[in-house]
Protein backbone atom coordinates (compact mmCIF):
# COMPACT_ATOMS: atom_id res chain seq x y z
CA UNK A 1 24.80 -48.49 -93.48
CA UNK A 2 27.26 -49.17 -96.28
CA UNK A 3 31.02 -48.99 -96.24
CA UNK A 4 32.77 -46.66 -98.67
CA UNK A 5 33.72 -49.53 -100.97
CA UNK A 6 30.16 -50.90 -100.95
CA UNK A 7 28.90 -47.38 -101.69
CA UNK A 8 31.34 -46.93 -104.58
CA UNK A 9 30.57 -50.30 -106.12
CA UNK A 10 26.80 -49.78 -105.90
CA UNK A 11 27.03 -46.39 -107.60
CA UNK A 12 29.44 -47.69 -110.25
CA UNK A 13 27.02 -50.49 -111.15
CA UNK A 14 24.10 -48.04 -111.13
CA UNK A 15 25.83 -45.52 -113.41
CA UNK A 16 26.99 -48.20 -115.83
CA UNK A 17 23.47 -49.65 -116.02
CA UNK A 18 22.08 -46.19 -116.76
CA UNK A 19 24.62 -45.64 -119.53
CA UNK A 20 24.54 -48.98 -121.33
CA UNK A 21 21.92 -51.16 -119.70
CA UNK A 22 24.61 -53.81 -119.11
CA UNK A 23 26.24 -54.47 -115.73
CA UNK A 24 30.02 -54.01 -115.60
CA UNK A 25 32.29 -57.04 -115.58
CA UNK A 26 34.13 -58.12 -112.44
CA UNK A 27 37.38 -56.89 -113.98
CA UNK A 28 35.82 -53.49 -114.67
CA UNK A 29 34.52 -53.27 -111.11
CA UNK A 30 37.92 -54.30 -109.71
CA UNK A 31 39.69 -51.62 -111.77
CA UNK A 32 37.12 -48.93 -110.92
CA UNK A 33 37.54 -49.52 -107.17
CA UNK A 34 41.30 -50.05 -107.48
CA UNK A 35 41.19 -53.44 -105.77
CA UNK A 36 43.94 -56.02 -106.11
CA UNK A 37 41.72 -59.03 -106.82
CA UNK A 38 38.21 -59.99 -107.87
CA UNK A 39 37.66 -61.74 -104.55
CA UNK A 40 37.12 -58.32 -102.98
CA UNK A 41 34.41 -57.59 -105.55
CA UNK A 42 32.70 -60.90 -104.74
CA UNK A 43 32.61 -59.93 -101.05
CA UNK A 44 31.22 -56.47 -101.81
CA UNK A 45 28.51 -57.82 -104.13
CA UNK A 46 27.48 -60.39 -101.53
CA UNK A 47 27.26 -57.66 -98.88
CA UNK A 48 25.14 -55.44 -101.17
CA UNK A 49 22.87 -58.36 -102.00
CA UNK A 50 22.42 -59.25 -98.33
CA UNK A 51 21.46 -55.64 -97.58
CA UNK A 52 18.88 -55.62 -100.38
CA UNK A 53 20.55 -53.06 -102.66
CA UNK A 54 21.19 -55.39 -105.61
CA UNK A 55 20.05 -58.78 -106.87
CA UNK A 56 21.91 -61.36 -108.90
CA UNK A 57 19.68 -62.72 -111.67
CA UNK A 58 19.79 -66.53 -112.02
CA UNK A 59 21.01 -68.33 -115.14
CA UNK A 60 22.53 -65.19 -116.63
CA UNK A 61 26.22 -64.32 -116.56
CA UNK A 62 27.12 -60.86 -115.22
CA UNK A 63 23.42 -60.21 -114.55
CA UNK A 64 22.87 -57.73 -111.71
CA UNK A 65 19.86 -55.62 -110.88
CA UNK A 66 19.99 -52.49 -108.69
CA UNK A 67 16.97 -52.60 -106.37
CA UNK A 68 17.43 -49.40 -104.40
CA UNK A 69 19.80 -46.53 -103.62
CA UNK A 70 20.11 -45.04 -100.12
CA UNK A 71 18.93 -41.45 -100.12
CA UNK A 72 22.04 -40.41 -98.19
CA UNK A 73 24.35 -41.53 -100.98
CA UNK A 74 26.14 -39.14 -103.28
CA UNK A 75 25.42 -40.37 -106.83
CA UNK A 76 28.86 -39.43 -108.14
CA UNK A 77 31.64 -42.02 -108.35
CA UNK A 78 35.09 -41.00 -109.32
CA UNK A 79 36.52 -44.50 -109.35
CA UNK A 80 39.43 -43.34 -107.19
CA UNK A 81 41.01 -45.09 -104.25
CA UNK A 82 39.27 -44.28 -100.98
CA UNK A 83 40.83 -44.98 -97.62
CA UNK A 84 39.29 -45.71 -94.26
CA UNK A 85 39.70 -42.41 -92.46
CA UNK A 86 37.54 -42.19 -89.35
CA UNK A 87 35.89 -38.79 -89.31
CA UNK A 88 36.30 -37.31 -85.86
CA UNK A 89 33.21 -35.31 -84.93
CA UNK A 90 33.82 -31.70 -83.99
CA UNK A 91 31.94 -29.82 -81.32
CA UNK A 92 32.11 -31.34 -77.84
CA UNK A 93 34.62 -34.01 -78.83
CA UNK A 94 37.58 -33.79 -76.51
CA UNK A 95 36.01 -30.95 -74.52
CA UNK A 96 34.56 -30.96 -71.05
CA UNK A 97 30.78 -30.76 -71.09
CA UNK A 98 29.41 -27.71 -69.24
CA UNK A 99 25.87 -27.82 -67.84
CA UNK A 100 23.57 -24.84 -68.24
CA UNK A 101 23.91 -22.21 -65.52
CA UNK A 102 20.13 -22.05 -65.18
CA UNK A 103 19.54 -25.78 -64.67
CA UNK A 104 20.62 -27.92 -61.77
CA UNK A 105 21.12 -31.40 -63.20
CA UNK A 106 22.85 -33.93 -60.95
CA UNK A 107 23.46 -36.29 -63.89
CA UNK A 108 25.10 -33.48 -65.81
CA UNK A 109 27.23 -32.64 -62.78
CA UNK A 110 28.29 -36.28 -62.49
CA UNK A 111 29.24 -36.31 -66.20
CA UNK A 112 30.75 -32.81 -66.30
CA UNK A 113 34.27 -34.20 -66.64
CA UNK A 114 33.35 -36.72 -69.38
CA UNK A 115 34.54 -36.46 -72.97
CA UNK A 116 32.25 -37.35 -75.90
CA UNK A 117 33.92 -39.77 -78.29
CA UNK A 118 32.30 -40.92 -81.57
CA UNK A 119 31.82 -44.64 -82.12
CA UNK A 120 32.77 -45.28 -85.75
CA UNK A 121 31.43 -48.82 -86.19
CA UNK A 122 33.08 -52.20 -85.69
CA UNK A 123 36.66 -53.43 -85.95
CA UNK A 124 37.71 -57.04 -86.50
CA UNK A 125 39.77 -58.80 -83.87
CA UNK A 126 39.87 -61.91 -86.03
CA UNK A 127 39.44 -62.25 -89.78
CA UNK A 128 39.51 -58.71 -91.25
CA UNK A 129 36.12 -57.22 -92.09
CA UNK A 130 35.23 -54.45 -94.49
CA UNK A 131 36.38 -51.09 -93.21
CA UNK A 132 33.55 -49.18 -91.58
CA UNK A 133 33.43 -45.50 -90.84
CA UNK A 134 29.81 -44.85 -89.96
CA UNK A 135 29.37 -42.61 -86.93
CA UNK A 136 26.68 -44.58 -85.08
CA UNK A 137 26.65 -42.84 -81.68
CA UNK A 138 28.88 -41.26 -79.07
CA UNK A 139 30.08 -42.47 -75.69
CA UNK A 140 31.20 -40.59 -72.60
CA UNK A 141 34.78 -41.31 -71.57
CA UNK A 142 36.87 -40.01 -68.64
CA UNK A 143 39.43 -37.59 -70.09
CA UNK A 144 42.31 -39.28 -68.26
CA UNK A 145 41.79 -42.31 -70.52
CA UNK A 146 42.49 -40.28 -73.66
CA UNK A 147 45.16 -37.64 -73.31
CA UNK A 148 45.63 -35.04 -76.04
CA UNK A 149 44.74 -35.32 -79.73
CA UNK A 150 41.80 -36.77 -81.64
CA UNK A 151 40.11 -40.01 -80.65
CA UNK A 152 37.39 -42.35 -81.83
CA UNK A 153 35.94 -45.63 -80.60
CA UNK A 154 35.29 -48.97 -82.28
CA UNK A 155 33.30 -52.02 -81.21
CA UNK A 156 35.37 -55.21 -81.25
CA UNK A 157 34.22 -58.25 -83.23
CA UNK A 158 36.18 -61.48 -82.79
CA UNK A 159 38.59 -63.14 -80.38
CA UNK A 160 42.04 -62.79 -81.94
CA UNK A 161 43.23 -60.34 -79.25
CA UNK A 162 41.97 -62.12 -76.11
CA UNK A 163 45.48 -62.71 -74.73
CA UNK A 164 45.91 -58.93 -74.75
CA UNK A 165 42.72 -58.60 -72.69
CA UNK A 166 40.54 -57.51 -75.63
CA UNK A 167 37.33 -59.52 -75.99
CA UNK A 168 34.46 -59.73 -78.44
CA UNK A 169 31.96 -56.96 -77.60
CA UNK A 170 34.52 -54.63 -75.99
CA UNK A 171 34.78 -51.01 -77.09
CA UNK A 172 38.31 -49.85 -77.84
CA UNK A 173 39.44 -46.24 -77.67
CA UNK A 174 41.75 -45.23 -80.51
CA UNK A 175 44.06 -42.24 -80.81
CA UNK A 176 43.93 -41.11 -84.43
CA UNK A 177 47.46 -41.30 -85.89
CA UNK A 178 49.27 -42.71 -88.90
CA UNK A 179 52.39 -44.07 -87.22
CA UNK A 180 53.02 -46.51 -84.38
CA UNK A 181 55.94 -48.27 -82.78
CA UNK A 182 56.78 -51.97 -82.83
CA UNK A 183 54.58 -53.96 -80.49
CA UNK A 184 51.80 -51.40 -80.25
CA UNK A 185 48.19 -52.43 -80.90
CA UNK A 186 46.80 -50.51 -83.85
CA UNK A 187 43.88 -50.16 -86.22
CA UNK A 188 45.45 -51.38 -89.46
CA UNK A 189 43.93 -50.91 -92.91
CA UNK A 190 44.89 -53.66 -95.35
CA UNK A 191 44.89 -52.92 -99.11
CA UNK A 192 42.66 -49.85 -98.52
CA UNK A 193 39.79 -52.27 -98.02
CA UNK A 194 39.80 -54.19 -94.74
CA UNK A 195 40.40 -53.01 -91.19
CA UNK A 196 41.60 -55.07 -88.26
CA UNK A 197 42.87 -54.61 -84.72
CA UNK A 198 46.31 -56.22 -84.32
CA UNK A 199 49.75 -55.77 -82.79
CA UNK A 200 52.12 -54.10 -85.25
CA UNK A 201 55.58 -55.51 -85.96
CA UNK A 202 58.07 -54.22 -88.51
CA UNK A 203 61.22 -55.92 -89.77
CA UNK A 204 63.02 -54.54 -92.78
CA UNK A 205 60.47 -53.89 -95.51
CA UNK A 206 57.89 -56.25 -94.04
CA UNK A 207 54.93 -55.38 -91.83
CA UNK A 208 53.46 -58.06 -89.58
CA UNK A 209 50.01 -57.93 -88.01
CA UNK A 210 50.20 -60.17 -84.97
CA UNK A 211 47.20 -61.63 -83.15
CA UNK A 212 47.13 -62.18 -79.39
CA UNK A 213 45.61 -65.63 -79.71
CA UNK A 214 47.56 -68.75 -80.67
CA UNK A 215 44.67 -69.90 -82.87
CA UNK A 216 45.47 -67.11 -85.35
CA UNK A 217 48.55 -66.84 -87.55
CA UNK A 218 50.61 -63.70 -87.89
CA UNK A 219 50.04 -62.12 -91.29
CA UNK A 220 52.95 -60.56 -93.22
CA UNK A 221 52.53 -57.75 -95.75
CA UNK A 222 54.61 -55.43 -97.86
CA UNK A 223 54.95 -51.86 -96.51
CA UNK A 224 52.59 -50.40 -99.12
CA UNK A 225 49.72 -52.72 -98.16
CA UNK A 226 49.21 -51.67 -94.54
CA UNK A 227 48.24 -48.22 -93.27
CA UNK A 228 48.01 -47.34 -89.58
CA UNK A 229 44.76 -45.55 -88.77
CA UNK A 230 45.19 -45.20 -85.02
CA UNK A 231 46.68 -46.66 -81.83
CA UNK A 232 44.86 -48.34 -78.96
CA UNK A 233 44.83 -46.17 -75.83
CA UNK A 234 41.95 -47.57 -73.79
CA UNK A 235 39.16 -50.11 -73.52
CA UNK A 236 35.60 -50.12 -72.18
CA UNK A 237 33.67 -53.23 -71.20
CA UNK A 238 30.16 -53.89 -70.00
CA UNK A 239 29.36 -56.77 -67.70
């Protein structure tokens, strides 16, 4: 699975190669994806290369080769800014499952009060990782853990929130919303590119993303660089 930014970059390189036979420059890729620095492009290219979609040709500047395109990809690329917006699956999401009247299923009866919540990939509780919004599977959650509104789940990667009781491998339940109060733990999108799970602090025009682990520093951003994508409302853990 590719992130939106990886998808956009792959298709931009592919279209440019079809048009001119020459890969785009790093500056052109940065502008097309509306990124703030070329370091983001380096990370995306490395991720595409590791997944086998492109190859960097040795001893040649700007030399890239597109090896494959996922069949699920849309070949169009508008070069516009795309944000991490978890797509909440409709259907049984947030609704009580009802077993068939004609079938007696004890498992279904046990799970009748469960709510299906989509798991939308991984979230960094450490160094931010590329924003992921792939719906991988669903999990059953007791409705009292959620409340009203739309929800999604994310698998935690990293240890920056261990003092808040959130560990690597946990699954966090997120209420989808774009605002949060000071001190609340949120899914924060940084520069429309990287997502992380942190405690939100605001002071004046600054936004701080605060870890719950003394080994990590609090990161400070301008208000236009951080977007709230949801608030932590629950946690699941397997032993």
